[in-house]
N, C-alpha and C. Protein backbone atom coordinates (compact mmCIF):
# COMPACT_ATOMS: atom_id res chain seq x y z
N MET A 1 -176.27 -55.28 -42.36
CA MET A 1 -177.71 -54.27 -42.35
C MET A 1 -176.51 -53.12 -42.95
N ILE A 2 -177.03 -52.21 -43.82
CA ILE A 2 -177.22 -51.20 -44.55
C ILE A 2 -177.82 -50.23 -44.32
N LEU A 3 -176.93 -48.78 -43.83
CA LEU A 3 -178.12 -47.99 -43.43
C LEU A 3 -177.98 -46.65 -44.48
N GLU A 4 -179.18 -46.61 -45.29
CA GLU A 4 -179.35 -45.37 -46.46
C GLU A 4 -179.55 -44.40 -45.76
N VAL A 5 -178.94 -43.27 -45.95
CA VAL A 5 -178.62 -41.90 -45.55
C VAL A 5 -179.39 -41.03 -46.63
N ALA A 6 -180.22 -40.16 -46.67
CA ALA A 6 -180.54 -39.30 -47.17
C ALA A 6 -181.24 -37.59 -46.90
N ILE A 7 -180.36 -36.42 -46.65
CA ILE A 7 -180.83 -35.71 -46.27
C ILE A 7 -181.86 -34.86 -47.56
N LEU A 8 -183.01 -34.79 -47.21
CA LEU A 8 -184.23 -34.28 -48.01
C LEU A 8 -184.24 -32.55 -48.27
N ASP A 9 -184.45 -31.82 -48.80
CA ASP A 9 -184.33 -30.66 -48.75
C ASP A 9 -185.79 -30.51 -49.33
N VAL A 10 -187.00 -30.01 -48.72
CA VAL A 10 -188.15 -30.10 -49.53
C VAL A 10 -188.46 -28.43 -49.75
N ILE A 11 -188.95 -28.30 -50.77
CA ILE A 11 -189.31 -26.82 -51.70
C ILE A 11 -190.50 -26.24 -50.27
N PRO A 12 -189.34 -25.06 -49.78
CA PRO A 12 -190.44 -24.46 -48.66
C PRO A 12 -191.89 -23.91 -49.21
N GLY A 13 -192.90 -24.64 -48.27
CA GLY A 13 -194.24 -24.01 -48.46
C GLY A 13 -194.57 -25.32 -48.80
N GLN A 14 -194.15 -26.44 -49.53
CA GLN A 14 -194.73 -27.82 -49.56
C GLN A 14 -194.64 -28.69 -48.88
N GLU A 15 -194.04 -28.32 -47.70
CA GLU A 15 -193.83 -29.47 -46.44
C GLU A 15 -194.80 -30.48 -46.53
N SER A 16 -196.39 -30.37 -46.38
CA SER A 16 -197.50 -30.62 -45.73
C SER A 16 -197.91 -31.68 -46.82
N GLU A 17 -197.83 -31.18 -48.17
CA GLU A 17 -197.80 -32.17 -49.46
C GLU A 17 -196.94 -33.06 -49.02
N PHE A 18 -195.79 -32.99 -49.46
CA PHE A 18 -194.41 -34.06 -49.01
C PHE A 18 -194.97 -35.03 -48.13
N HIS A 19 -195.65 -34.68 -46.87
CA HIS A 19 -195.68 -35.22 -45.45
C HIS A 19 -196.91 -36.09 -46.20
N ALA A 20 -197.66 -35.78 -46.69
CA ALA A 20 -199.15 -36.64 -47.15
C ALA A 20 -198.42 -37.71 -48.15
N ASP A 21 -198.00 -37.38 -49.24
CA ASP A 21 -197.20 -38.31 -49.83
C ASP A 21 -196.36 -39.39 -49.80
N PHE A 22 -195.68 -38.93 -48.48
CA PHE A 22 -194.71 -39.53 -48.11
C PHE A 22 -195.42 -40.71 -47.43
N GLU A 23 -196.07 -40.30 -46.75
CA GLU A 23 -197.34 -41.42 -46.24
C GLU A 23 -197.78 -42.62 -46.87
N LYS A 24 -197.97 -42.20 -48.04
CA LYS A 24 -198.42 -43.17 -49.28
C LYS A 24 -197.44 -43.82 -49.64
N ALA A 25 -196.29 -43.46 -49.91
CA ALA A 25 -195.25 -43.75 -50.56
C ALA A 25 -193.96 -44.77 -49.27
N GLN A 26 -194.10 -44.63 -47.86
CA GLN A 26 -193.72 -45.66 -47.47
C GLN A 26 -194.17 -46.57 -47.26
N GLY A 27 -195.38 -46.98 -47.75
CA GLY A 27 -195.82 -48.70 -47.97
C GLY A 27 -195.25 -48.96 -48.88
N ILE A 28 -194.85 -48.46 -50.05
CA ILE A 28 -194.03 -49.18 -51.06
C ILE A 28 -192.51 -49.52 -50.72
N ILE A 29 -192.17 -48.85 -49.84
CA ILE A 29 -190.76 -49.44 -49.83
C ILE A 29 -190.90 -50.08 -48.65
N ALA A 30 -191.70 -50.10 -47.94
CA ALA A 30 -191.50 -51.11 -46.99
C ALA A 30 -191.74 -52.56 -47.35
N GLU A 31 -192.50 -52.82 -48.76
CA GLU A 31 -193.12 -53.88 -48.94
C GLU A 31 -191.15 -54.75 -50.26
N MET A 32 -191.00 -53.67 -50.22
CA MET A 32 -189.27 -54.56 -51.03
C MET A 32 -188.60 -55.09 -49.94
N PRO A 33 -188.38 -56.29 -51.19
CA PRO A 33 -187.10 -57.72 -50.64
C PRO A 33 -185.93 -57.08 -49.74
N GLY A 34 -185.56 -56.83 -48.81
CA GLY A 34 -184.62 -56.48 -48.05
C GLY A 34 -184.42 -55.57 -46.92
N TYR A 35 -186.03 -55.17 -47.44
CA TYR A 35 -186.11 -53.77 -46.47
C TYR A 35 -186.19 -54.08 -44.97
N ILE A 36 -185.89 -53.66 -44.05
CA ILE A 36 -186.06 -53.84 -42.56
C ILE A 36 -186.55 -52.48 -41.78
N SER A 37 -186.57 -51.10 -41.53
CA SER A 37 -187.12 -50.45 -41.59
C SER A 37 -186.66 -49.07 -41.88
N HIS A 38 -187.62 -47.63 -41.47
CA HIS A 38 -186.97 -46.55 -41.92
C HIS A 38 -187.81 -45.85 -41.04
N ASP A 39 -187.24 -44.67 -41.04
CA ASP A 39 -187.39 -43.00 -40.07
C ASP A 39 -187.27 -41.91 -41.07
N LEU A 40 -188.67 -41.10 -41.01
CA LEU A 40 -188.17 -39.87 -41.56
C LEU A 40 -188.30 -38.59 -40.50
N GLN A 41 -187.57 -38.08 -40.28
CA GLN A 41 -186.89 -37.18 -39.06
C GLN A 41 -187.08 -35.88 -39.91
N ARG A 42 -188.05 -34.15 -39.53
CA ARG A 42 -187.77 -33.17 -39.64
C ARG A 42 -186.83 -32.60 -39.08
N CYS A 43 -185.94 -31.90 -39.44
CA CYS A 43 -185.07 -30.49 -39.18
C CYS A 43 -185.87 -29.45 -38.09
N LEU A 44 -185.17 -29.47 -36.80
CA LEU A 44 -186.07 -27.68 -36.27
C LEU A 44 -185.48 -26.82 -36.41
N GLU A 45 -184.37 -26.69 -36.99
CA GLU A 45 -183.73 -25.56 -37.28
C GLU A 45 -184.23 -25.21 -39.25
N LYS A 46 -184.07 -26.28 -39.79
CA LYS A 46 -184.26 -26.16 -41.42
C LYS A 46 -185.42 -26.91 -41.43
N PRO A 47 -186.78 -26.01 -41.33
CA PRO A 47 -188.28 -26.92 -40.99
C PRO A 47 -188.01 -27.40 -42.28
N SER A 48 -187.58 -27.01 -43.79
CA SER A 48 -188.02 -27.98 -45.23
C SER A 48 -187.14 -28.97 -45.28
N ARG A 49 -185.82 -29.10 -44.39
CA ARG A 49 -185.36 -30.36 -44.36
C ARG A 49 -185.69 -31.19 -43.74
N HIS A 50 -185.55 -32.55 -44.39
CA HIS A 50 -185.70 -33.89 -43.75
C HIS A 50 -184.38 -34.91 -43.87
N LEU A 51 -184.96 -36.13 -42.66
CA LEU A 51 -183.84 -36.95 -42.75
C LEU A 51 -184.19 -37.85 -42.88
N LEU A 52 -183.81 -38.53 -44.01
CA LEU A 52 -184.79 -40.03 -44.19
C LEU A 52 -183.48 -41.29 -44.09
N LEU A 53 -183.86 -42.38 -43.03
CA LEU A 53 -182.51 -43.25 -42.86
C LEU A 53 -183.70 -44.51 -42.98
N VAL A 54 -182.95 -45.48 -43.89
CA VAL A 54 -183.76 -47.00 -44.38
C VAL A 54 -182.37 -47.93 -43.95
N ARG A 55 -183.28 -48.80 -43.33
CA ARG A 55 -182.31 -49.97 -43.04
C ARG A 55 -182.71 -50.95 -44.00
N TRP A 56 -181.59 -51.55 -44.46
CA TRP A 56 -181.31 -52.40 -45.38
C TRP A 56 -180.78 -53.94 -45.32
N GLN A 57 -181.05 -55.17 -45.67
CA GLN A 57 -180.45 -56.12 -45.43
C GLN A 57 -179.16 -55.98 -46.07
N THR A 58 -179.36 -55.58 -47.31
CA THR A 58 -177.47 -55.33 -48.30
C THR A 58 -177.92 -54.25 -48.77
N LEU A 59 -176.16 -53.77 -49.44
CA LEU A 59 -176.66 -52.61 -50.24
C LEU A 59 -177.37 -52.81 -51.72
N GLU A 60 -176.93 -54.17 -52.19
CA GLU A 60 -177.93 -54.75 -53.66
C GLU A 60 -179.31 -54.66 -52.99
N ASP A 61 -179.76 -54.94 -51.89
CA ASP A 61 -181.58 -54.39 -51.58
C ASP A 61 -181.69 -53.17 -52.34
N HIS A 62 -181.04 -52.56 -51.96
CA HIS A 62 -181.54 -50.65 -52.21
C HIS A 62 -181.22 -50.47 -53.90
N VAL A 63 -179.89 -50.46 -53.97
CA VAL A 63 -179.33 -50.03 -55.23
C VAL A 63 -179.99 -50.83 -56.38
N ASP A 64 -179.80 -52.01 -56.42
CA ASP A 64 -180.06 -53.06 -57.35
C ASP A 64 -181.57 -53.25 -57.23
N GLY A 65 -182.49 -53.83 -56.50
CA GLY A 65 -183.54 -54.48 -56.21
C GLY A 65 -184.46 -53.07 -56.07
N PHE A 66 -184.44 -52.09 -55.09
CA PHE A 66 -185.55 -50.85 -55.05
C PHE A 66 -185.43 -50.16 -56.10
N ARG A 67 -183.95 -49.46 -56.25
CA ARG A 67 -184.44 -48.48 -57.29
C ARG A 67 -184.51 -48.98 -58.79
N ASN A 68 -184.33 -50.44 -59.01
CA ASN A 68 -184.61 -51.38 -60.27
C ASN A 68 -186.00 -51.38 -60.62
N SER A 69 -186.74 -51.02 -59.81
CA SER A 69 -188.14 -51.84 -59.62
C SER A 69 -189.01 -51.18 -59.91
N THR A 70 -190.05 -51.79 -60.21
CA THR A 70 -191.28 -51.07 -60.75
C THR A 70 -191.95 -50.42 -59.62
N PRO A 71 -192.27 -50.59 -58.29
CA PRO A 71 -192.55 -49.75 -57.00
C PRO A 71 -191.95 -48.81 -57.19
N TYR A 72 -190.40 -48.61 -57.56
CA TYR A 72 -189.44 -47.59 -57.44
C TYR A 72 -190.14 -46.45 -58.40
N GLN A 73 -190.72 -46.78 -59.75
CA GLN A 73 -191.33 -45.38 -60.33
C GLN A 73 -192.44 -44.70 -59.79
N GLN A 74 -193.23 -45.47 -59.05
CA GLN A 74 -194.24 -44.98 -57.88
C GLN A 74 -193.29 -43.88 -56.96
N TRP A 75 -192.60 -44.61 -56.35
CA TRP A 75 -191.46 -43.75 -55.38
C TRP A 75 -191.48 -42.22 -56.13
N LYS A 76 -191.01 -42.56 -56.86
CA LYS A 76 -190.24 -41.52 -57.55
C LYS A 76 -191.21 -40.66 -58.19
N GLN A 77 -192.83 -40.92 -58.59
CA GLN A 77 -193.44 -39.97 -58.84
C GLN A 77 -194.51 -38.96 -57.83
N LEU A 78 -194.47 -40.06 -56.69
CA LEU A 78 -195.06 -39.26 -55.23
C LEU A 78 -194.15 -38.65 -54.83
N LEU A 79 -192.54 -38.75 -54.83
CA LEU A 79 -191.84 -37.55 -53.96
C LEU A 79 -190.62 -36.75 -54.50
N HIS A 80 -190.01 -37.03 -55.91
CA HIS A 80 -188.87 -36.56 -55.83
C HIS A 80 -189.10 -35.08 -56.78
N HIS A 81 -190.49 -34.73 -57.24
CA HIS A 81 -190.98 -33.68 -57.61
C HIS A 81 -190.79 -32.09 -56.17
N TYR A 82 -190.85 -32.72 -55.01
CA TYR A 82 -190.98 -32.25 -53.95
C TYR A 82 -189.05 -31.38 -53.47
N TYR A 83 -188.26 -32.21 -54.40
CA TYR A 83 -186.70 -31.58 -53.57
C TYR A 83 -185.98 -30.85 -54.49
N ASP A 84 -185.46 -30.19 -53.69
CA ASP A 84 -184.26 -28.73 -54.10
C ASP A 84 -183.48 -28.31 -53.48
N PRO A 85 -181.92 -28.84 -53.93
CA PRO A 85 -181.80 -29.73 -54.69
C PRO A 85 -182.03 -31.15 -54.64
N PHE A 86 -181.97 -32.20 -55.93
CA PHE A 86 -181.91 -33.20 -55.67
C PHE A 86 -180.82 -34.28 -54.18
N PRO A 87 -181.36 -35.01 -53.66
CA PRO A 87 -180.59 -35.23 -52.47
C PRO A 87 -179.59 -36.64 -52.74
N ASP A 88 -178.46 -36.34 -52.18
CA ASP A 88 -177.78 -37.10 -52.45
C ASP A 88 -177.97 -38.57 -51.75
N VAL A 89 -177.70 -39.14 -51.75
CA VAL A 89 -177.95 -40.41 -50.92
C VAL A 89 -176.66 -42.03 -50.46
N GLU A 90 -176.39 -41.95 -49.03
CA GLU A 90 -175.11 -42.25 -49.00
C GLU A 90 -175.77 -43.68 -47.81
N HIS A 91 -174.90 -44.51 -48.42
CA HIS A 91 -175.18 -45.56 -47.20
C HIS A 91 -173.59 -46.22 -46.12
N TYR A 92 -174.14 -46.48 -45.29
CA TYR A 92 -173.44 -46.54 -44.43
C TYR A 92 -172.93 -48.37 -43.40
N GLN A 93 -172.32 -48.67 -42.54
CA GLN A 93 -172.42 -50.15 -42.23
C GLN A 93 -171.50 -49.61 -41.05
N SER A 94 -171.90 -50.35 -39.97
CA SER A 94 -171.77 -50.12 -38.61
C SER A 94 -170.63 -50.69 -38.11
N VAL A 95 -169.32 -49.56 -37.84
CA VAL A 95 -168.05 -50.33 -37.13
C VAL A 95 -167.95 -50.70 -35.94
N CYS A 96 -168.56 -49.72 -35.20
CA CYS A 96 -168.58 -49.93 -33.74
C CYS A 96 -170.26 -49.77 -32.74
N PRO A 97 -170.60 -50.94 -33.04
CA PRO A 97 -172.07 -51.56 -32.41
C PRO A 97 -172.03 -51.09 -31.14
N GLN A 98 -173.56 -50.66 -30.52
CA GLN A 98 -173.50 -50.46 -29.21
C GLN A 98 -173.77 -51.58 -28.56
N THR A 99 -172.39 -51.91 -27.55
CA THR A 99 -172.54 -53.49 -26.80
C THR A 99 -173.94 -52.91 -25.39
N ASP A 100 -173.85 -53.96 -24.84
CA ASP A 100 -174.49 -53.82 -23.28
C ASP A 100 -173.36 -54.06 -22.28
N VAL A 101 -174.02 -53.04 -21.26
CA VAL A 101 -172.78 -52.81 -20.46
C VAL A 101 -173.39 -53.45 -19.29
């Protein structure tokens, strides 16, 4: 499993609109091949900052599959105009998974 991590700095004052559009956009990503799950969290100290975590089966599912798809254009149209600056996206893989004690 790959964890996509993006810190989303939303233009101050546009958080409510961003949340409403994210509600629509999350259905787009959830239908993509290789998608596992996602979580959007809001920063308590900086209310315009959000953390997006998306779990993919493989890196290629996100980078090649989603980003090169027609649905990605819909995602982009719904969300990308809210970001300032545009976020860096990183991908992580577990090296020390939690084990049952």
